[in-house]
Amino acid sequence: TIFRWVNRGLFEDHKLIFCSMLTFKLFSQSRLSVEEYNASYFNFLLRAPYFVGAENPLEDWLPSKNWGLVLKLCELEGFENFGTNMERDAPTRFKEWFNELTPEDVKLPLDWKR
């Protein structure tokens, strides 16, 4: 197939980039998921924008750059309360999740299932 020919000619590091680009393109055309493709989520994932100089109330365990990322994430639809949940509602549970060896395999605190 065309995928195998292209993949064969790439360096190992570039194969992951090529597969990611192909996957995101298929997502944008709704060929891989029934969920609606949201370009703002994709842009956030790619660019990782963050606030600079924002006061970090969780600085004892969360780096300031990460808090800036959380503040930018709160601007996206569906994540408006994420920063508030981290700061006020369950900071201890978020700290435990943050310090997990594999946090991607552990359920997020509160009602953040996705």
PDB file of N, CA and C in Angstrom:
ATOM      1  N   THR A   1       0.840  -1.190   0.000  1.00  0.00           N
ATOM      2  CA  THR A   1       0.000   0.000   0.000  1.00  0.00           C
ATOM      3  C   THR A   1       0.875   1.240   0.000  1.00  0.00           C
ATOM      4  N   ILE A   2       0.252   2.359  -0.232  1.00  0.00           N
ATOM      5  CA  ILE A   2       0.977   3.636  -0.252  1.00  0.00           C
ATOM      6  C   ILE A   2       1.572   3.932   1.120  1.00  0.00           C
ATOM      7  N   PHE A   3       0.805   3.641   2.183  1.00  0.00           N
ATOM      8  CA  PHE A   3       1.300   3.885   3.539  1.00  0.00           C
ATOM      9  C   PHE A   3       2.615   3.143   3.779  1.00  0.00           C
ATOM     10  N   ARG A   4       2.682   1.886   3.396  1.00  0.00           N
ATOM     11  CA  ARG A   4       3.914   1.102   3.609  1.00  0.00           C
ATOM     12  C   ARG A   4       5.086   1.659   2.823  1.00  0.00           C
ATOM     13  N   TRP A   5       4.839   2.098   1.594  1.00  0.00           N
ATOM     14  CA  TRP A   5       5.930   2.651   0.779  1.00  0.00           C
ATOM     15  C   TRP A   5       6.462   3.946   1.382  1.00  0.00           C
ATOM     16  N   VAL A   6       5.546   4.806   1.802  1.00  0.00           N
ATOM     17  CA  VAL A   6       5.981   6.075   2.418  1.00  0.00           C
ATOM     18  C   VAL A   6       6.692   5.791   3.731  1.00  0.00           C
ATOM     19  N   ASN A   7       6.101   4.935   4.543  1.00  0.00           N
ATOM     20  CA  ASN A   7       6.670   4.614   5.847  1.00  0.00           C
ATOM     21  C   ASN A   7       8.053   3.974   5.720  1.00  0.00           C
ATOM     22  N   ARG A   8       8.256   3.201   4.709  1.00  0.00           N
ATOM     23  CA  ARG A   8       9.527   2.529   4.479  1.00  0.00           C
ATOM     24  C   ARG A   8      10.648   3.531   4.195  1.00  0.00           C
ATOM     25  N   GLY A   9      10.314   4.642   3.582  1.00  0.00           N
ATOM     26  CA  GLY A   9      11.322   5.625   3.214  1.00  0.00           C
ATOM     27  C   GLY A   9      11.610   6.665   4.284  1.00  0.00           C
ATOM     28  N   LEU A  10      10.986   6.547   5.442  1.00  0.00           N
ATOM     29  CA  LEU A  10      11.178   7.550   6.501  1.00  0.00           C
ATOM     30  C   LEU A  10      12.134   7.056   7.579  1.00  0.00           C
ATOM     31  N   PHE A  11      12.791   8.010   8.249  1.00  0.00           N
ATOM     32  CA  PHE A  11      13.581   7.684   9.428  1.00  0.00           C
ATOM     33  C   PHE A  11      12.623   7.302  10.545  1.00  0.00           C
ATOM     34  N   GLU A  12      13.102   6.573  11.540  1.00  0.00           N
ATOM     35  CA  GLU A  12      12.249   6.110  12.641  1.00  0.00           C
ATOM     36  C   GLU A  12      11.540   7.264  13.338  1.00  0.00           C
ATOM     37  N   ASP A  13      12.245   8.354  13.612  1.00  0.00           N
ATOM     38  CA  ASP A  13      11.637   9.503  14.289  1.00  0.00           C
ATOM     39  C   ASP A  13      10.534  10.132  13.446  1.00  0.00           C
ATOM     40  N   HIS A  14      10.686  10.092  12.138  1.00  0.00           N
ATOM     41  CA  HIS A  14       9.713  10.723  11.253  1.00  0.00           C
ATOM     42  C   HIS A  14       8.475   9.856  11.023  1.00  0.00           C
ATOM     43  N   LYS A  15       8.592   8.565  11.285  1.00  0.00           N
ATOM     44  CA  LYS A  15       7.444   7.676  11.117  1.00  0.00           C
ATOM     45  C   LYS A  15       6.323   8.036  12.072  1.00  0.00           C
ATOM     46  N   LEU A  16       6.673   8.379  13.309  1.00  0.00           N
ATOM     47  CA  LEU A  16       5.661   8.771  14.291  1.00  0.00           C
ATOM     48  C   LEU A  16       4.992  10.085  13.886  1.00  0.00           C
ATOM     49  N   ILE A  17       5.768  11.017  13.380  1.00  0.00           N
ATOM     50  CA  ILE A  17       5.217  12.284  12.919  1.00  0.00           C
ATOM     51  C   ILE A  17       4.262  12.048  11.751  1.00  0.00           C
ATOM     52  N   PHE A  18       4.669  11.227  10.807  1.00  0.00           N
ATOM     53  CA  PHE A  18       3.825  10.920   9.651  1.00  0.00           C
ATOM     54  C   PHE A  18       2.521  10.249  10.085  1.00  0.00           C
ATOM     55  N   CYS A  19       2.609   9.276  10.985  1.00  0.00           N
ATOM     56  CA  CYS A  19       1.406   8.595  11.463  1.00  0.00           C
ATOM     57  C   CYS A  19       0.485   9.542  12.227  1.00  0.00           C
ATOM     58  N   SER A  20       1.061  10.447  12.998  1.00  0.00           N
ATOM     59  CA  SER A  20       0.255  11.438  13.721  1.00  0.00           C
ATOM     60  C   SER A  20      -0.459  12.369  12.750  1.00  0.00           C
ATOM     61  N   MET A  21       0.261  12.840  11.738  1.00  0.00           N
ATOM     62  CA  MET A  21      -0.363  13.729  10.745  1.00  0.00           C
ATOM     63  C   MET A  21      -1.501  13.021  10.018  1.00  0.00           C
ATOM     64  N   LEU A  22      -1.271  11.782   9.651  1.00  0.00           N
ATOM     65  CA  LEU A  22      -2.301  11.001   8.962  1.00  0.00           C
ATOM     66  C   LEU A  22      -3.519  10.786   9.864  1.00  0.00           C
ATOM     67  N   THR A  23      -3.277  10.464  11.121  1.00  0.00           N
ATOM     68  CA  THR A  23      -4.365  10.249  12.071  1.00  0.00           C
ATOM     69  C   THR A  23      -5.181  11.518  12.281  1.00  0.00           C
ATOM     70  N   PHE A  24      -4.507  12.653  12.482  1.00  0.00           N
ATOM     71  CA  PHE A  24      -5.236  13.911  12.690  1.00  0.00           C
ATOM     72  C   PHE A  24      -6.036  14.305  11.453  1.00  0.00           C
ATOM     73  N   LYS A  25      -5.501  14.039  10.287  1.00  0.00           N
ATOM     74  CA  LYS A  25      -6.232  14.328   9.050  1.00  0.00           C
ATOM     75  C   LYS A  25      -7.498  13.480   8.963  1.00  0.00           C
ATOM     76  N   LEU A  26      -7.379  12.203   9.306  1.00  0.00           N
ATOM     77  CA  LEU A  26      -8.547  11.325   9.288  1.00  0.00           C
ATOM     78  C   LEU A  26      -9.575  11.740  10.345  1.00  0.00           C
ATOM     79  N   PHE A  27      -9.106  12.176  11.507  1.00  0.00           N
ATOM     80  CA  PHE A  27     -10.026  12.695  12.521  1.00  0.00           C
ATOM     81  C   PHE A  27     -10.762  13.928  12.012  1.00  0.00           C
ATOM     82  N   SER A  28     -10.034  14.824  11.354  1.00  0.00           N
ATOM     83  CA  SER A  28     -10.662  16.063  10.867  1.00  0.00           C
ATOM     84  C   SER A  28     -11.708  15.788   9.796  1.00  0.00           C
ATOM     85  N   GLN A  29     -11.586  14.664   9.100  1.00  0.00           N
ATOM     86  CA  GLN A  29     -12.562  14.284   8.081  1.00  0.00           C
ATOM     87  C   GLN A  29     -13.621  13.332   8.639  1.00  0.00           C
ATOM     88  N   SER A  30     -13.630  13.122   9.959  1.00  0.00           N
ATOM     89  CA  SER A  30     -14.591  12.255  10.661  1.00  0.00           C
ATOM     90  C   SER A  30     -14.577  10.820  10.142  1.00  0.00           C
ATOM     91  N   ARG A  31     -13.404  10.329   9.817  1.00  0.00           N
ATOM     92  CA  ARG A  31     -13.292   8.952   9.333  1.00  0.00           C
ATOM     93  C   ARG A  31     -12.854   7.975  10.416  1.00  0.00           C
ATOM     94  N   LEU A  32     -12.400   8.487  11.568  1.00  0.00           N
ATOM     95  CA  LEU A  32     -11.934   7.600  12.629  1.00  0.00           C
ATOM     96  C   LEU A  32     -12.829   7.611  13.859  1.00  0.00           C
ATOM     97  N   SER A  33     -13.708   8.562  13.978  1.00  0.00           N
ATOM     98  CA  SER A  33     -14.484   8.699  15.193  1.00  0.00           C
ATOM     99  C   SER A  33     -15.869   9.232  14.873  1.00  0.00           C
ATOM    100  N   VAL A  34     -16.805   8.884  15.719  1.00  0.00           N
ATOM    101  CA  VAL A  34     -18.150   9.439  15.566  1.00  0.00           C
ATOM    102  C   VAL A  34     -18.263  10.789  16.267  1.00  0.00           C
ATOM    103  N   GLU A  35     -17.295  11.085  17.135  1.00  0.00           N
ATOM    104  CA  GLU A  35     -17.278  12.377  17.815  1.00  0.00           C
ATOM    105  C   GLU A  35     -16.893  13.474  16.837  1.00  0.00           C
ATOM    106  N   GLU A  36     -17.399  14.648  17.105  1.00  0.00           N
ATOM    107  CA  GLU A  36     -17.119  15.790  16.238  1.00  0.00           C
ATOM    108  C   GLU A  36     -15.676  16.266  16.449  1.00  0.00           C
ATOM    109  N   TYR A  37     -15.001  16.531  15.358  1.00  0.00           N
ATOM    110  CA  TYR A  37     -13.626  17.048  15.406  1.00  0.00           C
ATOM    111  C   TYR A  37     -13.668  18.506  15.843  1.00  0.00           C
ATOM    112  N   ASN A  38     -12.876  18.859  16.834  1.00  0.00           N
ATOM    113  CA  ASN A  38     -12.837  20.226  17.339  1.00  0.00           C
ATOM    114  C   ASN A  38     -11.440  20.792  17.075  1.00  0.00           C
ATOM    115  N   ALA A  39     -11.363  21.730  16.163  1.00  0.00           N
ATOM    116  CA  ALA A  39     -10.068  22.291  15.768  1.00  0.00           C
ATOM    117  C   ALA A  39      -9.383  23.024  16.918  1.00  0.00           C
ATOM    118  N   SER A  40     -10.150  23.641  17.814  1.00  0.00           N
ATOM    119  CA  SER A  40      -9.524  24.368  18.926  1.00  0.00           C
ATOM    120  C   SER A  40      -8.823  23.394  19.880  1.00  0.00           C
ATOM    121  N   TYR A  41      -9.373  22.197  20.080  1.00  0.00           N
ATOM    122  CA  TYR A  41      -8.706  21.186  20.900  1.00  0.00           C
ATOM    123  C   TYR A  41      -7.413  20.731  20.231  1.00  0.00           C
ATOM    124  N   PHE A  42      -7.473  20.530  18.937  1.00  0.00           N
ATOM    125  CA  PHE A  42      -6.294  20.114  18.186  1.00  0.00           C
ATOM    126  C   PHE A  42      -5.201  21.186  18.253  1.00  0.00           C
ATOM    127  N   ASN A  43      -5.571  22.448  18.087  1.00  0.00           N
ATOM    128  CA  ASN A  43      -4.597  23.536  18.171  1.00  0.00           C
ATOM    129  C   ASN A  43      -3.979  23.623  19.557  1.00  0.00           C
ATOM    130  N   PHE A  44      -4.783  23.401  20.597  1.00  0.00           N
ATOM    131  CA  PHE A  44      -4.242  23.408  21.946  1.00  0.00           C
ATOM    132  C   PHE A  44      -3.229  22.280  22.118  1.00  0.00           C
ATOM    133  N   LEU A  45      -3.575  21.106  21.618  1.00  0.00           N
ATOM    134  CA  LEU A  45      -2.674  19.957  21.710  1.00  0.00           C
ATOM    135  C   LEU A  45      -1.359  20.212  20.982  1.00  0.00           C
ATOM    136  N   LEU A  46      -1.433  20.819  19.804  1.00  0.00           N
ATOM    137  CA  LEU A  46      -0.233  21.073  19.010  1.00  0.00           C
ATOM    138  C   LEU A  46       0.635  22.197  19.563  1.00  0.00           C
ATOM    139  N   ARG A  47       0.012  23.282  19.933  1.00  0.00           N
ATOM    140  CA  ARG A  47       0.758  24.486  20.293  1.00  0.00           C
ATOM    141  C   ARG A  47       1.059  24.615  21.780  1.00  0.00           C
ATOM    142  N   ALA A  48       0.263  23.986  22.639  1.00  0.00           N
ATOM    143  CA  ALA A  48       0.418  24.064  24.102  1.00  0.00           C
ATOM    144  C   ALA A  48       0.598  25.505  24.568  1.00  0.00           C
ATOM    145  N   PRO A  49      -0.398  26.365  24.309  1.00  0.00           N
ATOM    146  CA  PRO A  49      -0.278  27.753  24.758  1.00  0.00           C
ATOM    147  C   PRO A  49      -0.406  27.848  26.274  1.00  0.00           C
ATOM    148  N   TYR A  50       0.236  28.836  26.869  1.00  0.00           N
ATOM    149  CA  TYR A  50       0.129  28.997  28.314  1.00  0.00           C
ATOM    150  C   TYR A  50       0.263  30.471  28.683  1.00  0.00           C
ATOM    151  N   PHE A  51      -0.301  30.816  29.848  1.00  0.00           N
ATOM    152  CA  PHE A  51      -0.167  32.160  30.388  1.00  0.00           C
ATOM    153  C   PHE A  51       1.198  32.296  31.039  1.00  0.00           C
ATOM    154  N   VAL A  52       1.825  33.430  30.822  1.00  0.00           N
ATOM    155  CA  VAL A  52       3.123  33.697  31.428  1.00  0.00           C
ATOM    156  C   VAL A  52       2.911  34.685  32.568  1.00  0.00           C
ATOM    157  N   GLY A  53       3.513  34.404  33.698  1.00  0.00           N
ATOM    158  CA  GLY A  53       3.462  35.327  34.816  1.00  0.00           C
ATOM    159  C   GLY A  53       2.223  35.218  35.677  1.00  0.00           C
ATOM    160  N   ALA A  54       1.382  34.245  35.451  1.00  0.00           N
ATOM    161  CA  ALA A  54       0.194  34.073  36.286  1.00  0.00           C
ATOM    162  C   ALA A  54       0.612  33.503  37.640  1.00  0.00           C
ATOM    163  N   GLU A  55      -0.027  33.984  38.697  1.00  0.00           N
ATOM    164  CA  GLU A  55       0.287  33.494  40.033  1.00  0.00           C
ATOM    165  C   GLU A  55      -0.161  32.041  40.173  1.00  0.00           C
ATOM    166  N   ASN A  56       0.729  31.207  40.648  1.00  0.00           N
ATOM    167  CA  ASN A  56       0.472  29.774  40.771  1.00  0.00           C
ATOM    168  C   ASN A  56       0.115  29.436  42.214  1.00  0.00           C
ATOM    169  N   PRO A  57      -1.163  29.144  42.500  1.00  0.00           N
ATOM    170  CA  PRO A  57      -1.549  28.804  43.869  1.00  0.00           C
ATOM    171  C   PRO A  57      -1.123  27.393  44.285  1.00  0.00           C
ATOM    172  N   LEU A  58      -0.671  26.589  43.356  1.00  0.00           N
ATOM    173  CA  LEU A  58      -0.267  25.210  43.639  1.00  0.00           C
ATOM    174  C   LEU A  58       1.229  25.011  43.427  1.00  0.00           C
ATOM    175  N   GLU A  59       2.004  26.055  43.657  1.00  0.00           N
ATOM    176  CA  GLU A  59       3.424  26.024  43.326  1.00  0.00           C
ATOM    177  C   GLU A  59       4.237  25.027  44.140  1.00  0.00           C
ATOM    178  N   ASP A  60       3.696  24.515  45.244  1.00  0.00           N
ATOM    179  CA  ASP A  60       4.454  23.538  46.021  1.00  0.00           C
ATOM    180  C   ASP A  60       4.583  22.201  45.299  1.00  0.00           C
ATOM    181  N   TRP A  61       3.711  21.917  44.319  1.00  0.00           N
ATOM    182  CA  TRP A  61       3.817  20.658  43.581  1.00  0.00           C
ATOM    183  C   TRP A  61       3.622  20.791  42.076  1.00  0.00           C
ATOM    184  N   LEU A  62       3.048  21.889  41.605  1.00  0.00           N
ATOM    185  CA  LEU A  62       2.790  22.068  40.174  1.00  0.00           C
ATOM    186  C   LEU A  62       3.660  23.195  39.625  1.00  0.00           C
ATOM    187  N   PRO A  63       4.508  22.906  38.635  1.00  0.00           N
ATOM    188  CA  PRO A  63       5.349  23.966  38.054  1.00  0.00           C
ATOM    189  C   PRO A  63       4.502  25.108  37.480  1.00  0.00           C
ATOM    190  N   SER A  64       5.038  26.303  37.518  1.00  0.00           N
ATOM    191  CA  SER A  64       4.301  27.482  37.061  1.00  0.00           C
ATOM    192  C   SER A  64       3.901  27.384  35.594  1.00  0.00           C
ATOM    193  N   LYS A  65       4.756  26.814  34.762  1.00  0.00           N
ATOM    194  CA  LYS A  65       4.409  26.668  33.349  1.00  0.00           C
ATOM    195  C   LYS A  65       3.174  25.766  33.195  1.00  0.00           C
ATOM    196  N   ASN A  66       3.108  24.713  33.991  1.00  0.00           N
ATOM    197  CA  ASN A  66       1.950  23.815  33.928  1.00  0.00           C
ATOM    198  C   ASN A  66       0.681  24.520  34.390  1.00  0.00           C
ATOM    199  N   TRP A  67       0.797  25.388  35.408  1.00  0.00           N
ATOM    200  CA  TRP A  67      -0.368  26.151  35.838  1.00  0.00           C
ATOM    201  C   TRP A  67      -0.816  27.095  34.717  1.00  0.00           C
ATOM    202  N   GLY A  68       0.132  27.671  34.002  1.00  0.00           N
ATOM    203  CA  GLY A  68      -0.205  28.504  32.850  1.00  0.00           C
ATOM    204  C   GLY A  68      -0.933  27.720  31.771  1.00  0.00           C
ATOM    205  N   LEU A  69      -0.544  26.458  31.570  1.00  0.00           N
ATOM    206  CA  LEU A  69      -1.245  25.582  30.623  1.00  0.00           C
ATOM    207  C   LEU A  69      -2.668  25.299  31.092  1.00  0.00           C
ATOM    208  N   VAL A  70      -2.837  25.085  32.395  1.00  0.00           N
ATOM    209  CA  VAL A  70      -4.173  24.833  32.943  1.00  0.00           C
ATOM    210  C   VAL A  70      -5.061  26.056  32.722  1.00  0.00           C
ATOM    211  N   LEU A  71      -4.523  27.256  32.950  1.00  0.00           N
ATOM    212  CA  LEU A  71      -5.316  28.472  32.758  1.00  0.00           C
ATOM    213  C   LEU A  71      -5.744  28.637  31.303  1.00  0.00           C
ATOM    214  N   LYS A  72      -4.869  28.305  30.371  1.00  0.00           N
ATOM    215  CA  LYS A  72      -5.238  28.361  28.951  1.00  0.00           C
ATOM    216  C   LYS A  72      -6.257  27.283  28.602  1.00  0.00           C
ATOM    217  N   LEU A  73      -6.113  26.104  29.212  1.00  0.00           N
ATOM    218  CA  LEU A  73      -7.062  25.019  28.978  1.00  0.00           C
ATOM    219  C   LEU A  73      -8.466  25.420  29.421  1.00  0.00           C
ATOM    220  N   CYS A  74      -8.555  26.227  30.473  1.00  0.00           N
ATOM    221  CA  CYS A  74      -9.853  26.677  30.981  1.00  0.00           C
ATOM    222  C   CYS A  74     -10.608  27.541  29.970  1.00  0.00           C
ATOM    223  N   GLU A  75      -9.929  28.042  28.972  1.00  0.00           N
ATOM    224  CA  GLU A  75     -10.583  28.838  27.930  1.00  0.00           C
ATOM    225  C   GLU A  75     -11.326  27.963  26.916  1.00  0.00           C
ATOM    226  N   LEU A  76     -11.007  26.666  26.878  1.00  0.00           N
ATOM    227  CA  LEU A  76     -11.659  25.754  25.936  1.00  0.00           C
ATOM    228  C   LEU A  76     -13.015  25.303  26.474  1.00  0.00           C
ATOM    229  N   GLU A  77     -13.942  25.100  25.557  1.00  0.00           N
ATOM    230  CA  GLU A  77     -15.279  24.647  25.921  1.00  0.00           C
ATOM    231  C   GLU A  77     -15.202  23.273  26.588  1.00  0.00           C
ATOM    232  N   GLY A  78     -15.864  23.164  27.724  1.00  0.00           N
ATOM    233  CA  GLY A  78     -15.874  21.914  28.466  1.00  0.00           C
ATOM    234  C   GLY A  78     -14.842  21.845  29.572  1.00  0.00           C
ATOM    235  N   PHE A  79     -13.877  22.761  29.587  1.00  0.00           N
ATOM    236  CA  PHE A  79     -12.817  22.747  30.593  1.00  0.00           C
ATOM    237  C   PHE A  79     -12.842  24.003  31.473  1.00  0.00           C
ATOM    238  N   GLU A  80     -13.943  24.739  31.459  1.00  0.00           N
ATOM    239  CA  GLU A  80     -14.031  26.012  32.169  1.00  0.00           C
ATOM    240  C   GLU A  80     -13.740  25.886  33.662  1.00  0.00           C
ATOM    241  N   ASN A  81     -14.118  24.778  34.285  1.00  0.00           N
ATOM    242  CA  ASN A  81     -13.974  24.609  35.737  1.00  0.00           C
ATOM    243  C   ASN A  81     -12.752  23.799  36.142  1.00  0.00           C
ATOM    244  N   PHE A  82     -11.933  23.409  35.197  1.00  0.00           N
ATOM    245  CA  PHE A  82     -10.801  22.542  35.511  1.00  0.00           C
ATOM    246  C   PHE A  82      -9.823  23.196  36.479  1.00  0.00           C
ATOM    247  N   GLY A  83      -9.461  24.443  36.237  1.00  0.00           N
ATOM    248  CA  GLY A  83      -8.536  25.149  37.123  1.00  0.00           C
ATOM    249  C   GLY A  83      -9.094  25.329  38.512  1.00  0.00           C
ATOM    250  N   THR A  84     -10.365  25.670  38.594  1.00  0.00           N
ATOM    251  CA  THR A  84     -11.026  25.833  39.894  1.00  0.00           C
ATOM    252  C   THR A  84     -11.051  24.515  40.646  1.00  0.00           C
ATOM    253  N   ASN A  85     -11.329  23.429  39.943  1.00  0.00           N
ATOM    254  CA  ASN A  85     -11.322  22.111  40.580  1.00  0.00           C
ATOM    255  C   ASN A  85      -9.940  21.770  41.114  1.00  0.00           C
ATOM    256  N   MET A  86      -8.914  22.072  40.354  1.00  0.00           N
ATOM    257  CA  MET A  86      -7.547  21.779  40.802  1.00  0.00           C
ATOM    258  C   MET A  86      -7.167  22.623  42.007  1.00  0.00           C
ATOM    259  N   GLU A  87      -7.549  23.888  41.971  1.00  0.00           N
ATOM    260  CA  GLU A  87      -7.113  24.836  42.999  1.00  0.00           C
ATOM    261  C   GLU A  87      -7.915  24.720  44.291  1.00  0.00           C
ATOM    262  N   ARG A  88      -9.244  24.610  44.197  1.00  0.00           N
ATOM    263  CA  ARG A  88     -10.086  24.708  45.389  1.00  0.00           C
ATOM    264  C   ARG A  88     -10.775  23.412  45.781  1.00  0.00           C
ATOM    265  N   ASP A  89     -11.281  22.680  44.803  1.00  0.00           N
ATOM    266  CA  ASP A  89     -12.161  21.554  45.116  1.00  0.00           C
ATOM    267  C   ASP A  89     -11.417  20.298  45.555  1.00  0.00           C
ATOM    268  N   ALA A  90     -10.313  19.977  44.926  1.00  0.00           N
ATOM    269  CA  ALA A  90      -9.614  18.733  45.272  1.00  0.00           C
ATOM    270  C   ALA A  90      -8.114  18.825  44.993  1.00  0.00           C
ATOM    271  N   PRO A  91      -7.427  19.811  45.578  1.00  0.00           N
ATOM    272  CA  PRO A  91      -5.992  19.936  45.275  1.00  0.00           C
ATOM    273  C   PRO A  91      -5.166  18.724  45.705  1.00  0.00           C
ATOM    274  N   THR A  92      -5.531  18.089  46.814  1.00  0.00           N
ATOM    275  CA  THR A  92      -4.783  16.927  47.285  1.00  0.00           C
ATOM    276  C   THR A  92      -4.933  15.750  46.328  1.00  0.00           C
ATOM    277  N   ARG A  93      -6.144  15.528  45.832  1.00  0.00           N
ATOM    278  CA  ARG A  93      -6.361  14.419  44.904  1.00  0.00           C
ATOM    279  C   ARG A  93      -5.673  14.669  43.567  1.00  0.00           C
ATOM    280  N   PHE A  94      -5.658  15.918  43.111  1.00  0.00           N
ATOM    281  CA  PHE A  94      -4.945  16.233  41.868  1.00  0.00           C
ATOM    282  C   PHE A  94      -3.443  16.066  42.055  1.00  0.00           C
ATOM    283  N   LYS A  95      -2.936  16.421  43.235  1.00  0.00           N
ATOM    284  CA  LYS A  95      -1.503  16.239  43.509  1.00  0.00           C
ATOM    285  C   LYS A  95      -1.144  14.762  43.471  1.00  0.00           C
ATOM    286  N   GLU A  96      -1.977  13.920  44.067  1.00  0.00           N
ATOM    287  CA  GLU A  96      -1.725  12.480  44.037  1.00  0.00           C
ATOM    288  C   GLU A  96      -1.736  11.968  42.598  1.00  0.00           C
ATOM    289  N   TRP A  97      -2.693  12.442  41.803  1.00  0.00           N
ATOM    290  CA  TRP A  97      -2.774  12.029  40.394  1.00  0.00           C
ATOM    291  C   TRP A  97      -1.533  12.510  39.638  1.00  0.00           C
ATOM    292  N   PHE A  98      -1.120  13.747  39.879  1.00  0.00           N
ATOM    293  CA  PHE A  98       0.041  14.346  39.211  1.00  0.00           C
ATOM    294  C   PHE A  98       1.316  13.558  39.518  1.00  0.00           C
ATOM    295  N   ASN A  99       1.434  13.032  40.722  1.00  0.00           N
ATOM    296  CA  ASN A  99       2.637  12.323  41.149  1.00  0.00           C
ATOM    297  C   ASN A  99       2.609  10.832  40.835  1.00  0.00           C
ATOM    298  N   GLU A 100       1.569  10.348  40.198  1.00  0.00           N
ATOM    299  CA  GLU A 100       1.516   8.942  39.786  1.00  0.00           C
ATOM    300  C   GLU A 100       2.635   8.651  38.782  1.00  0.00           C
ATOM    301  N   LEU A 101       3.119   7.427  38.771  1.00  0.00           N
ATOM    302  CA  LEU A 101       4.135   7.038  37.797  1.00  0.00           C
ATOM    303  C   LEU A 101       3.576   7.038  36.382  1.00  0.00           C
ATOM    304  N   THR A 102       2.327   6.610  36.228  1.00  0.00           N
ATOM    305  CA  THR A 102       1.652   6.601  34.927  1.00  0.00           C
ATOM    306  C   THR A 102       0.278   7.259  35.084  1.00  0.00           C
ATOM    307  N   PRO A 103       0.227   8.586  35.159  1.00  0.00           N
ATOM    308  CA  PRO A 103      -1.058   9.263  35.379  1.00  0.00           C
ATOM    309  C   PRO A 103      -2.051   9.041  34.239  1.00  0.00           C
ATOM    310  N   GLU A 104      -1.555   8.726  33.057  1.00  0.00           N
ATOM    311  CA  GLU A 104      -2.459   8.493  31.933  1.00  0.00           C
ATOM    312  C   GLU A 104      -3.291   7.227  32.123  1.00  0.00           C
ATOM    313  N   ASP A 105      -2.862   6.340  33.012  1.00  0.00           N
ATOM    314  CA  ASP A 105      -3.591   5.103  33.277  1.00  0.00           C
ATOM    315  C   ASP A 105      -4.517   5.199  34.489  1.00  0.00           C
ATOM    316  N   VAL A 106      -4.474   6.328  35.196  1.00  0.00           N
ATOM    317  CA  VAL A 106      -5.260   6.504  36.411  1.00  0.00           C
ATOM    318  C   VAL A 106      -6.393   7.485  36.132  1.00  0.00           C
ATOM    319  N   LYS A 107      -7.552   7.223  36.724  1.00  0.00           N
ATOM    320  CA  LYS A 107      -8.716   8.090  36.537  1.00  0.00           C
ATOM    321  C   LYS A 107      -8.431   9.468  37.141  1.00  0.00           C
ATOM    322  N   LEU A 108      -8.814  10.504  36.434  1.00  0.00           N
ATOM    323  CA  LEU A 108      -8.672  11.864  36.942  1.00  0.00           C
ATOM    324  C   LEU A 108      -9.587  12.081  38.155  1.00  0.00           C
ATOM    325  N   PRO A 109      -9.196  12.936  39.078  1.00  0.00           N
ATOM    326  CA  PRO A 109     -10.062  13.239  40.214  1.00  0.00           C
ATOM    327  C   PRO A 109     -11.364  13.912  39.780  1.00  0.00           C
ATOM    328  N   LEU A 110     -12.345  13.823  40.640  1.00  0.00           N
ATOM    329  CA  LEU A 110     -13.685  14.408  40.451  1.00  0.00           C
ATOM    330  C   LEU A 110     -14.353  13.803  39.234  1.00  0.00           C
ATOM    331  N   ASP A 111     -15.058  14.623  38.476  1.00  0.00           N
ATOM    332  CA  ASP A 111     -15.827  14.116  37.333  1.00  0.00           C
ATOM    333  C   ASP A 111     -15.094  14.251  36.008  1.00  0.00           C
ATOM    334  N   TRP A 112     -13.793  14.368  36.030  1.00  0.00           N
ATOM    335  CA  TRP A 112     -13.020  14.509  34.791  1.00  0.00           C
ATOM    336  C   TRP A 112     -12.679  13.127  34.274  1.00  0.00           C
ATOM    337  N   LYS A 113     -13.560  12.586  33.460  1.00  0.00           N
ATOM    338  CA  LYS A 113     -13.382  11.225  32.964  1.00  0.00           C
ATOM    339  C   LYS A 113     -12.595  11.172  31.665  1.00  0.00           C
ATOM    340  N   ARG A 114     -12.511  12.270  30.965  1.00  0.00           N
ATOM    341  CA  ARG A 114     -11.872  12.263  29.646  1.00  0.00           C
ATOM    342  C   ARG A 114     -10.728  13.229  29.635  1.00  0.00           C
TER     343      ARG A 114
END
